[in-house]
Structure formats: C-alpha cells, structure tokens
Amino acid sequence: MKPSFSLISFNFVIVFLLVHGSLSFNNLHHYCNEAARSDPNLSCDFCIASLEAISKSKNASLEELVEISTVLAMSKATNISRYISQLLKAQNLDKYHTSALQDCLELYADANSTLHDSKCVLKSKDYSKANIDASAAMDSSSTCEDGFKEREGVVSPLTRENNTFFQLTAIMLAFINMLSRS
C-alpha cells in the first residue's frame, strides 16, 4: 500500500517544524556563545538560561534577542529598585548603609530610564547610541557595588543582584555589537 500524498505532506511538515525549532534553539546557543567569546565577563550558561526562560526567545532573531535582553535588564533594574526600597525600610541600618543604598536606588532608576531610551533607539537601528546607553546602564551595577567598598569591612547586600544585572546588560551589549557588525 502506497502512503497517501497527505500523509507524506504531513510528515514533511512535522519534520520541517522539528528541524526549524531546533535550528532556532541552536541560534540562541550560537548567539550566547558568540556573546561570551566577545566578553570574558559574560557567562554563556547564564545567557542561555536567562533567554531560554522567555519562550519567544527560542525562535527569535538577533534583533528580537536584543529587545528581549533589554526587557530582561529593565525588569531586573526595577526588581533591584524594589529590593533596595525594602532594605531602606529596615530600622537597623546605619547612616553609611542608608546612604549607599539610596545611591544605588538612584543608579538603578537612571539605569532603567537609560535602558528604556536604548529600547527606543534600537527601533531606529541607532546601534551606536544603544551601545552607549547599554554601557551606561551596565556601569550602575559596578558603581553601586563600589559604593559599599568605600568603607573597609562593609559588605554589599546587593552583590548578587548587581552581578545579575551586570550579566544581563553584558548580554544586551554583546548582542547590540553583533547587530552593528551585521
């Protein structure tokens, strides 16, 4: 018995969808590998895990991955700001910690605004300006962390959050740089 044309067509469609889905998934891995190669501070595993958490990234183009990574960084900046606000409500903070946390709160508010601006300029394909914005936002995490290091023996309560934000903005920046070269 010969297979019918519709059965062959159906099988072809299924195989095509499976292959296409795996190629898109491999693109994500490819872009994260390339990003990690371009920046020794960026973790490929972190890049993949962060982007795989967003379902639409599995089929995303590089431009879409830039947008997704920008939104992830903006979301993280917002979450860090909320966390800092919670820390500032604690009654047992000394003046130094309060001042450092307030500085960090301002840095992350500025970073969120800068990332929003970057998202807008990316739509116009102004990769140079987007690069500057992403770099400025990235500096927020380091500047925040450095604020706690100014006094010996003080430990930042934001180290993990600062590192995560740094990685997210590094992903975004690496993807922007890839776009600017294409």
N, C-alpha and C. Protein backbone atom coordinates (compact mmCIF):
# COMPACT_ATOMS: atom_id res chain seq x y z
N MET A 1 0.84 -1.17 0.00
CA MET A 1 0.00 0.00 0.00
C MET A 1 0.88 1.24 0.00
N LYS A 2 0.60 2.17 -0.91
CA LYS A 2 1.36 3.41 -1.03
C LYS A 2 0.85 4.43 -0.02
N PRO A 3 1.80 5.16 0.62
CA PRO A 3 1.33 6.21 1.51
C PRO A 3 0.65 7.31 0.70
N SER A 4 -0.35 7.86 1.26
CA SER A 4 -1.07 8.92 0.55
C SER A 4 -0.25 10.20 0.54
N PHE A 5 -0.57 11.05 -0.42
CA PHE A 5 0.14 12.32 -0.54
C PHE A 5 -0.02 13.16 0.72
N SER A 6 -1.20 13.16 1.32
CA SER A 6 -1.44 13.97 2.52
C SER A 6 -0.62 13.46 3.70
N LEU A 7 -0.41 12.16 3.79
CA LEU A 7 0.41 11.62 4.86
C LEU A 7 1.87 12.02 4.67
N ILE A 8 2.36 11.98 3.43
CA ILE A 8 3.72 12.40 3.15
C ILE A 8 3.87 13.89 3.44
N SER A 9 2.90 14.68 3.03
CA SER A 9 2.93 16.12 3.29
C SER A 9 2.93 16.39 4.78
N PHE A 10 2.10 15.67 5.50
CA PHE A 10 2.02 15.84 6.95
C PHE A 10 3.37 15.53 7.59
N ASN A 11 3.98 14.42 7.19
CA ASN A 11 5.28 14.05 7.74
C ASN A 11 6.34 15.09 7.41
N PHE A 12 6.30 15.62 6.19
CA PHE A 12 7.24 16.66 5.80
C PHE A 12 7.07 17.89 6.68
N VAL A 13 5.84 18.30 6.92
CA VAL A 13 5.57 19.47 7.76
C VAL A 13 6.08 19.23 9.17
N ILE A 14 5.83 18.07 9.72
CA ILE A 14 6.30 17.75 11.08
C ILE A 14 7.83 17.79 11.14
N VAL A 15 8.50 17.17 10.18
CA VAL A 15 9.96 17.17 10.16
C VAL A 15 10.48 18.59 10.01
N PHE A 16 9.85 19.38 9.12
CA PHE A 16 10.27 20.76 8.93
C PHE A 16 10.14 21.56 10.23
N LEU A 17 9.04 21.41 10.92
CA LEU A 17 8.84 22.15 12.16
C LEU A 17 9.84 21.72 13.23
N LEU A 18 10.13 20.44 13.31
CA LEU A 18 11.10 19.97 14.29
C LEU A 18 12.49 20.52 13.98
N VAL A 19 12.87 20.47 12.71
CA VAL A 19 14.19 20.97 12.33
C VAL A 19 14.25 22.48 12.53
N HIS A 20 13.22 23.19 12.11
CA HIS A 20 13.20 24.64 12.26
C HIS A 20 13.28 25.03 13.73
N GLY A 21 12.55 24.35 14.57
CA GLY A 21 12.59 24.64 16.00
C GLY A 21 13.97 24.40 16.58
N SER A 22 14.62 23.32 16.17
CA SER A 22 15.95 23.05 16.73
C SER A 22 16.98 24.03 16.19
N LEU A 23 16.82 24.48 14.94
CA LEU A 23 17.74 25.47 14.41
C LEU A 23 17.61 26.79 15.17
N SER A 24 16.39 27.18 15.49
CA SER A 24 16.19 28.41 16.25
C SER A 24 16.81 28.28 17.63
N PHE A 25 16.62 27.12 18.23
CA PHE A 25 17.20 26.89 19.55
C PHE A 25 18.72 26.97 19.46
N ASN A 26 19.28 26.39 18.39
CA ASN A 26 20.72 26.45 18.22
C ASN A 26 21.19 27.87 17.95
N ASN A 27 20.35 28.71 17.31
CA ASN A 27 20.70 30.10 17.11
C ASN A 27 20.89 30.79 18.46
N LEU A 28 20.01 30.53 19.38
CA LEU A 28 20.13 31.10 20.72
C LEU A 28 21.47 30.69 21.33
N HIS A 29 21.80 29.43 21.24
CA HIS A 29 23.08 28.95 21.76
C HIS A 29 24.24 29.60 21.01
N HIS A 30 24.09 29.70 19.70
CA HIS A 30 25.14 30.32 18.88
C HIS A 30 25.37 31.76 19.32
N TYR A 31 24.29 32.54 19.45
CA TYR A 31 24.43 33.95 19.82
C TYR A 31 25.01 34.09 21.23
N CYS A 32 24.59 33.24 22.15
CA CYS A 32 25.14 33.31 23.50
C CYS A 32 26.61 32.92 23.52
N ASN A 33 26.98 31.91 22.74
CA ASN A 33 28.39 31.52 22.66
C ASN A 33 29.22 32.65 22.08
N GLU A 34 28.71 33.27 21.02
CA GLU A 34 29.44 34.38 20.40
C GLU A 34 29.55 35.56 21.38
N ALA A 35 28.47 35.82 22.11
CA ALA A 35 28.48 36.92 23.09
C ALA A 35 29.52 36.65 24.17
N ALA A 36 29.57 35.43 24.67
CA ALA A 36 30.52 35.07 25.72
C ALA A 36 31.96 35.14 25.21
N ARG A 37 32.17 34.79 23.95
CA ARG A 37 33.52 34.89 23.37
C ARG A 37 33.95 36.35 23.25
N SER A 38 32.98 37.24 23.02
CA SER A 38 33.33 38.65 22.84
C SER A 38 33.55 39.39 24.16
N ASP A 39 33.09 38.80 25.26
CA ASP A 39 33.20 39.45 26.58
C ASP A 39 33.56 38.41 27.63
N PRO A 40 34.79 38.44 28.13
CA PRO A 40 35.21 37.42 29.11
C PRO A 40 34.46 37.50 30.43
N ASN A 41 33.74 38.61 30.67
CA ASN A 41 32.95 38.73 31.90
C ASN A 41 31.55 38.15 31.77
N LEU A 42 31.18 37.73 30.57
CA LEU A 42 29.84 37.23 30.32
C LEU A 42 29.83 35.71 30.33
N SER A 43 28.90 35.14 31.04
CA SER A 43 28.76 33.69 31.13
C SER A 43 27.80 33.19 30.06
N CYS A 44 28.28 32.29 29.21
CA CYS A 44 27.43 31.69 28.18
C CYS A 44 26.26 30.95 28.81
N ASP A 45 26.52 30.20 29.88
CA ASP A 45 25.45 29.46 30.55
C ASP A 45 24.38 30.40 31.10
N PHE A 46 24.81 31.52 31.67
CA PHE A 46 23.86 32.50 32.19
C PHE A 46 23.02 33.07 31.04
N CYS A 47 23.67 33.37 29.94
CA CYS A 47 22.99 33.92 28.76
C CYS A 47 21.90 32.96 28.29
N ILE A 48 22.27 31.71 28.11
CA ILE A 48 21.31 30.70 27.63
C ILE A 48 20.17 30.53 28.63
N ALA A 49 20.50 30.37 29.90
CA ALA A 49 19.46 30.16 30.91
C ALA A 49 18.51 31.36 31.00
N SER A 50 19.05 32.56 30.94
CA SER A 50 18.22 33.76 31.04
C SER A 50 17.27 33.88 29.86
N LEU A 51 17.77 33.63 28.68
CA LEU A 51 16.95 33.80 27.48
C LEU A 51 16.00 32.63 27.27
N GLU A 52 16.42 31.42 27.63
CA GLU A 52 15.52 30.28 27.50
C GLU A 52 14.30 30.41 28.41
N ALA A 53 14.42 31.19 29.48
CA ALA A 53 13.29 31.40 30.38
C ALA A 53 12.16 32.18 29.71
N ILE A 54 12.48 32.86 28.61
CA ILE A 54 11.50 33.62 27.85
C ILE A 54 11.15 32.79 26.61
N SER A 55 9.92 32.30 26.54
CA SER A 55 9.55 31.35 25.50
C SER A 55 9.77 31.89 24.09
N LYS A 56 9.51 33.16 23.86
CA LYS A 56 9.64 33.67 22.49
C LYS A 56 11.11 33.81 22.05
N SER A 57 12.05 33.64 22.96
CA SER A 57 13.45 33.74 22.56
C SER A 57 13.91 32.52 21.78
N LYS A 58 13.21 31.42 21.91
CA LYS A 58 13.62 30.20 21.22
C LYS A 58 13.54 30.34 19.71
N ASN A 59 12.65 31.18 19.22
CA ASN A 59 12.51 31.39 17.78
C ASN A 59 12.92 32.80 17.37
N ALA A 60 13.65 33.47 18.21
CA ALA A 60 13.95 34.90 17.99
C ALA A 60 15.16 35.11 17.09
N SER A 61 15.06 36.20 16.34
CA SER A 61 16.20 36.68 15.56
C SER A 61 17.14 37.42 16.51
N LEU A 62 18.28 37.81 16.00
CA LEU A 62 19.22 38.56 16.83
C LEU A 62 18.60 39.89 17.27
N GLU A 63 17.89 40.57 16.39
CA GLU A 63 17.23 41.82 16.77
C GLU A 63 16.22 41.59 17.89
N GLU A 64 15.48 40.51 17.79
CA GLU A 64 14.50 40.19 18.83
C GLU A 64 15.19 39.83 20.14
N LEU A 65 16.34 39.17 20.05
CA LEU A 65 17.08 38.83 21.27
C LEU A 65 17.62 40.08 21.96
N VAL A 66 17.98 41.08 21.18
CA VAL A 66 18.41 42.35 21.78
C VAL A 66 17.24 42.95 22.56
N GLU A 67 16.06 42.95 21.94
CA GLU A 67 14.89 43.50 22.62
C GLU A 67 14.55 42.70 23.89
N ILE A 68 14.59 41.39 23.79
CA ILE A 68 14.30 40.54 24.94
C ILE A 68 15.31 40.79 26.06
N SER A 69 16.59 40.86 25.71
CA SER A 69 17.62 41.08 26.74
C SER A 69 17.47 42.47 27.35
N THR A 70 17.03 43.44 26.57
CA THR A 70 16.79 44.79 27.10
C THR A 70 15.65 44.77 28.11
N VAL A 71 14.58 44.09 27.76
CA VAL A 71 13.43 43.99 28.67
C VAL A 71 13.82 43.25 29.94
N LEU A 72 14.63 42.20 29.80
CA LEU A 72 15.10 41.47 30.99
C LEU A 72 15.93 42.38 31.90
N ALA A 73 16.80 43.18 31.31
CA ALA A 73 17.63 44.10 32.11
C ALA A 73 16.77 45.16 32.78
N MET A 74 15.77 45.67 32.05
CA MET A 74 14.87 46.67 32.63
C MET A 74 14.09 46.07 33.80
N SER A 75 13.62 44.87 33.62
CA SER A 75 12.88 44.18 34.68
C SER A 75 13.75 43.97 35.91
N LYS A 76 15.00 43.58 35.68
CA LYS A 76 15.92 43.36 36.80
C LYS A 76 16.20 44.67 37.52
N ALA A 77 16.38 45.76 36.77
CA ALA A 77 16.61 47.07 37.40
C ALA A 77 15.42 47.46 38.27
N THR A 78 14.22 47.21 37.78
CA THR A 78 13.01 47.50 38.55
C THR A 78 12.95 46.65 39.82
N ASN A 79 13.26 45.37 39.69
CA ASN A 79 13.24 44.47 40.85
C ASN A 79 14.30 44.86 41.88
N ILE A 80 15.46 45.26 41.41
CA ILE A 80 16.52 45.69 42.33
C ILE A 80 16.08 46.96 43.06
N SER A 81 15.46 47.86 42.35
CA SER A 81 14.97 49.10 42.98
C SER A 81 13.95 48.78 44.08
N ARG A 82 13.06 47.84 43.81
CA ARG A 82 12.08 47.42 44.83
C ARG A 82 12.78 46.81 46.04
N TYR A 83 13.78 45.97 45.77
CA TYR A 83 14.51 45.33 46.85
C TYR A 83 15.25 46.36 47.70
N ILE A 84 15.86 47.34 47.04
CA ILE A 84 16.55 48.40 47.77
C ILE A 84 15.56 49.18 48.63
N SER A 85 14.40 49.46 48.09
CA SER A 85 13.36 50.17 48.87
C SER A 85 12.98 49.39 50.11
N GLN A 86 12.89 48.08 49.98
CA GLN A 86 12.59 47.23 51.15
C GLN A 86 13.72 47.30 52.17
N LEU A 87 14.95 47.25 51.69
CA LEU A 87 16.10 47.34 52.59
C LEU A 87 16.12 48.68 53.32
N LEU A 88 15.76 49.74 52.62
CA LEU A 88 15.78 51.07 53.22
C LEU A 88 14.72 51.24 54.31
N LYS A 89 13.69 50.42 54.26
CA LYS A 89 12.65 50.47 55.29
C LYS A 89 13.09 49.82 56.60
N ALA A 90 14.15 49.06 56.55
CA ALA A 90 14.66 48.41 57.76
C ALA A 90 15.12 49.47 58.76
N GLN A 91 14.80 49.28 59.98
CA GLN A 91 15.10 50.26 61.02
C GLN A 91 16.53 50.16 61.54
N ASN A 92 17.21 49.07 61.26
CA ASN A 92 18.53 48.86 61.85
C ASN A 92 19.69 49.24 60.94
N LEU A 93 19.47 50.07 59.95
CA LEU A 93 20.56 50.48 59.05
C LEU A 93 21.30 51.68 59.63
N ASP A 94 22.61 51.63 59.52
CA ASP A 94 23.37 52.81 59.92
C ASP A 94 23.36 53.82 58.77
N LYS A 95 23.89 54.99 59.06
CA LYS A 95 23.88 56.09 58.09
C LYS A 95 24.63 55.74 56.80
N TYR A 96 25.74 55.02 56.95
CA TYR A 96 26.55 54.65 55.78
C TYR A 96 25.77 53.74 54.83
N HIS A 97 25.15 52.67 55.38
CA HIS A 97 24.37 51.75 54.56
C HIS A 97 23.19 52.45 53.91
N THR A 98 22.53 53.31 54.66
CA THR A 98 21.39 54.04 54.13
C THR A 98 21.82 54.91 52.94
N SER A 99 22.92 55.61 53.10
CA SER A 99 23.43 56.47 52.03
C SER A 99 23.82 55.66 50.79
N ALA A 100 24.51 54.55 51.00
CA ALA A 100 24.93 53.71 49.88
C ALA A 100 23.72 53.11 49.16
N LEU A 101 22.73 52.68 49.92
CA LEU A 101 21.52 52.12 49.30
C LEU A 101 20.75 53.18 48.53
N GLN A 102 20.67 54.39 49.07
CA GLN A 102 19.99 55.47 48.35
C GLN A 102 20.71 55.80 47.04
N ASP A 103 22.04 55.78 47.08
CA ASP A 103 22.81 55.99 45.85
C ASP A 103 22.49 54.89 44.83
N CYS A 104 22.43 53.66 45.29
CA CYS A 104 22.13 52.54 44.40
C CYS A 104 20.71 52.65 43.83
N LEU A 105 19.79 53.08 44.66
CA LEU A 105 18.42 53.27 44.20
C LEU A 105 18.37 54.28 43.05
N GLU A 106 19.10 55.35 43.20
CA GLU A 106 19.16 56.36 42.15
C GLU A 106 19.85 55.82 40.89
N LEU A 107 20.92 55.06 41.09
CA LEU A 107 21.63 54.47 39.95
C LEU A 107 20.72 53.55 39.15
N TYR A 108 19.94 52.73 39.84
CA TYR A 108 19.07 51.79 39.13
C TYR A 108 17.87 52.48 38.50
N ALA A 109 17.40 53.56 39.08
CA ALA A 109 16.34 54.34 38.44
C ALA A 109 16.87 54.94 37.14
N ASP A 110 18.09 55.47 37.20
CA ASP A 110 18.72 56.02 36.00
C ASP A 110 18.97 54.92 34.96
N ALA A 111 19.41 53.76 35.42
CA ALA A 111 19.68 52.65 34.51
C ALA A 111 18.41 52.22 33.79
N ASN A 112 17.32 52.16 34.52
CA ASN A 112 16.05 51.76 33.92
C ASN A 112 15.63 52.77 32.86
N SER A 113 15.79 54.04 33.15
CA SER A 113 15.46 55.09 32.20
C SER A 113 16.36 55.01 30.96
N THR A 114 17.63 54.79 31.19
CA THR A 114 18.59 54.67 30.09
C THR A 114 18.28 53.46 29.22
N LEU A 115 17.90 52.34 29.84
CA LEU A 115 17.55 51.14 29.08
C LEU A 115 16.29 51.37 28.26
N HIS A 116 15.36 52.11 28.83
CA HIS A 116 14.14 52.45 28.08
C HIS A 116 14.52 53.28 26.84
N ASP A 117 15.40 54.25 27.03
CA ASP A 117 15.88 55.06 25.90
C ASP A 117 16.56 54.17 24.86
N SER A 118 17.35 53.22 25.34
CA SER A 118 18.06 52.31 24.44
C SER A 118 17.07 51.49 23.62
N LYS A 119 16.02 51.04 24.26
CA LYS A 119 15.00 50.27 23.55
C LYS A 119 14.40 51.09 22.41
N CYS A 120 14.20 52.36 22.65
CA CYS A 120 13.65 53.25 21.61
C CYS A 120 14.63 53.46 20.47
N VAL A 121 15.90 53.71 20.78
CA VAL A 121 16.87 53.95 19.70
C VAL A 121 17.19 52.68 18.92
N LEU A 122 17.00 51.53 19.55
CA LEU A 122 17.21 50.28 18.82
C LEU A 122 16.21 50.14 17.68
N LYS A 123 15.00 50.63 17.89
CA LYS A 123 13.98 50.55 16.83
C LYS A 123 14.40 51.36 15.61
N SER A 124 15.17 52.41 15.83
CA SER A 124 15.65 53.21 14.70
C SER A 124 17.01 52.72 14.20
N LYS A 125 17.47 51.61 14.76
CA LYS A 125 18.74 50.98 14.39
C LYS A 125 19.96 51.87 14.63
N ASP A 126 19.86 52.71 15.65
CA ASP A 126 20.99 53.55 16.05
C ASP A 126 21.81 52.75 17.07
N TYR A 127 22.61 51.82 16.55
CA TYR A 127 23.34 50.89 17.42
C TYR A 127 24.43 51.58 18.22
N SER A 128 24.97 52.65 17.71
CA SER A 128 25.99 53.40 18.44
C SER A 128 25.40 53.99 19.73
N LYS A 129 24.26 54.65 19.60
CA LYS A 129 23.60 55.24 20.78
C LYS A 129 23.12 54.14 21.73
N ALA A 130 22.59 53.05 21.19
CA ALA A 130 22.15 51.93 22.02
C ALA A 130 23.32 51.33 22.80
N ASN A 131 24.48 51.26 22.16
CA ASN A 131 25.69 50.76 22.81
C ASN A 131 26.07 51.66 23.98
N ILE A 132 26.02 52.97 23.76
CA ILE A 132 26.36 53.93 24.82
C ILE A 132 25.37 53.79 25.98
N ASP A 133 24.08 53.68 25.66
CA ASP A 133 23.07 53.53 26.71
C ASP A 133 23.25 52.24 27.50
N ALA A 134 23.49 51.14 26.80
CA ALA A 134 23.67 49.85 27.49
C ALA A 134 24.91 49.88 28.37
N SER A 135 25.98 50.50 27.89
CA SER A 135 27.21 50.61 28.68
C SER A 135 26.98 51.45 29.93
N ALA A 136 26.25 52.55 29.77
CA ALA A 136 25.96 53.42 30.92
C ALA A 136 25.12 52.67 31.95
N ALA A 137 24.13 51.92 31.49
CA ALA A 137 23.30 51.15 32.41
C ALA A 137 24.13 50.09 33.12
N MET A 138 25.00 49.44 32.38
CA MET A 138 25.86 48.39 32.94
C MET A 138 26.71 48.92 34.09
N ASP A 139 27.19 50.15 33.93
CA ASP A 139 28.04 50.76 34.96
C ASP A 139 27.33 50.94 36.29
N SER A 140 26.01 50.99 36.27
CA SER A 140 25.24 51.16 37.51
C SER A 140 25.55 50.07 38.53
N SER A 141 25.65 48.84 38.04
CA SER A 141 25.89 47.73 38.97
C SER A 141 27.27 47.84 39.62
N SER A 142 28.28 48.19 38.84
CA SER A 142 29.64 48.32 39.38
C SER A 142 29.74 49.52 40.32
N THR A 143 29.12 50.62 39.93
CA THR A 143 29.16 51.82 40.77
C THR A 143 28.44 51.57 42.08
N CYS A 144 27.31 50.90 42.02
CA CYS A 144 26.58 50.55 43.24
C CYS A 144 27.44 49.69 44.15
N GLU A 145 28.03 48.68 43.60
CA GLU A 145 28.87 47.76 44.39
C GLU A 145 30.06 48.50 44.98
N ASP A 146 30.68 49.37 44.20
CA ASP A 146 31.83 50.14 44.68
C ASP A 146 31.47 51.05 45.84
N GLY A 147 30.24 51.52 45.88
CA GLY A 147 29.80 52.39 46.97
C GLY A 147 29.89 51.72 48.32
N PHE A 148 29.73 50.42 48.36
CA PHE A 148 29.84 49.69 49.63
C PHE A 148 31.28 49.38 49.98
N LYS A 149 32.16 49.39 49.01
CA LYS A 149 33.56 49.05 49.23
C LYS A 149 34.38 50.24 49.73
N GLU A 150 33.75 51.41 49.73
CA GLU A 150 34.49 52.61 50.16
C GLU A 150 34.85 52.57 51.63
N ARG A 151 34.11 51.82 52.40
CA ARG A 151 34.42 51.68 53.82
C ARG A 151 34.86 50.24 54.08
N GLU A 152 36.01 50.11 54.69
CA GLU A 152 36.57 48.79 54.97
C GLU A 152 35.63 47.98 55.87
N GLY A 153 35.45 46.71 55.50
CA GLY A 153 34.66 45.79 56.29
C GLY A 153 33.17 45.81 55.98
N VAL A 154 32.72 46.71 55.12
CA VAL A 154 31.31 46.78 54.76
C VAL A 154 31.05 45.82 53.61
N VAL A 155 30.00 45.03 53.75
CA VAL A 155 29.62 44.06 52.73
C VAL A 155 28.34 44.55 52.05
N SER A 156 28.34 44.53 50.75
CA SER A 156 27.17 44.96 49.99
C SER A 156 26.07 43.92 50.10
N PRO A 157 24.84 44.36 50.40
CA PRO A 157 23.71 43.42 50.40
C PRO A 157 23.17 43.20 48.98
N LEU A 158 23.81 43.83 48.00
CA LEU A 158 23.32 43.78 46.63
C LEU A 158 24.25 43.07 45.66
N THR A 159 25.27 42.41 46.16
CA THR A 159 26.28 41.81 45.29
C THR A 159 25.65 40.87 44.27
N ARG A 160 24.81 39.97 44.70
CA ARG A 160 24.20 39.01 43.77
C ARG A 160 23.35 39.74 42.72
N GLU A 161 22.54 40.69 43.16
CA GLU A 161 21.69 41.44 42.24
C GLU A 161 22.53 42.26 41.26
N ASN A 162 23.59 42.90 41.78
CA ASN A 162 24.46 43.68 40.91
C ASN A 162 25.13 42.80 39.85
N ASN A 163 25.57 41.62 40.25
CA ASN A 163 26.21 40.71 39.30
C ASN A 163 25.23 40.24 38.23
N THR A 164 24.00 39.94 38.63
CA THR A 164 22.99 39.51 37.68
C THR A 164 22.67 40.62 36.69
N PHE A 165 22.50 41.84 37.20
CA PHE A 165 22.22 42.97 36.32
C PHE A 165 23.38 43.20 35.36
N PHE A 166 24.59 43.11 35.86
CA PHE A 166 25.78 43.27 35.00
C PHE A 166 25.74 42.25 33.86
N GLN A 167 25.45 41.00 34.18
CA GLN A 167 25.40 39.95 33.16
C GLN A 167 24.31 40.23 32.12
N LEU A 168 23.14 40.65 32.59
CA LEU A 168 22.04 40.92 31.66
C LEU A 168 22.38 42.07 30.71
N THR A 169 22.99 43.11 31.24
CA THR A 169 23.37 44.22 30.37
C THR A 169 24.55 43.84 29.46
N ALA A 170 25.42 42.95 29.93
CA ALA A 170 26.52 42.47 29.09
C ALA A 170 25.97 41.68 27.91
N ILE A 171 24.94 40.88 28.13
CA ILE A 171 24.30 40.14 27.05
C ILE A 171 23.73 41.12 26.02
N MET A 172 22.99 42.08 26.53
CA MET A 172 22.38 43.09 25.67
C MET A 172 23.44 43.80 24.84
N LEU A 173 24.49 44.22 25.50
CA LEU A 173 25.57 44.96 24.84
C LEU A 173 26.26 44.10 23.78
N ALA A 174 26.51 42.86 24.09
CA ALA A 174 27.15 41.95 23.12
C ALA A 174 26.25 41.75 21.90
N PHE A 175 24.96 41.60 22.12
CA PHE A 175 24.02 41.43 21.00
C PHE A 175 23.95 42.70 20.16
N ILE A 176 23.94 43.85 20.80
CA ILE A 176 23.93 45.13 20.06
C ILE A 176 25.18 45.21 19.18
N ASN A 177 26.32 44.85 19.74
CA ASN A 177 27.56 44.88 18.97
C ASN A 177 27.52 43.92 17.79
N MET A 178 26.90 42.75 17.98
CA MET A 178 26.75 41.81 16.87
C MET A 178 25.88 42.42 15.77
N LEU A 179 24.79 43.06 16.16
CA LEU A 179 23.91 43.71 15.19
C LEU A 179 24.64 44.82 14.42
N SER A 180 25.44 45.57 15.12
CA SER A 180 26.13 46.69 14.46
C SER A 180 27.14 46.20 13.43
N ARG A 181 27.63 44.97 13.60
CA ARG A 181 28.58 44.40 12.64
C ARG A 181 27.90 43.73 11.46
N SER A 182 26.60 43.47 11.60
CA SER A 182 25.91 42.74 10.51
C SER A 182 25.34 43.65 9.46
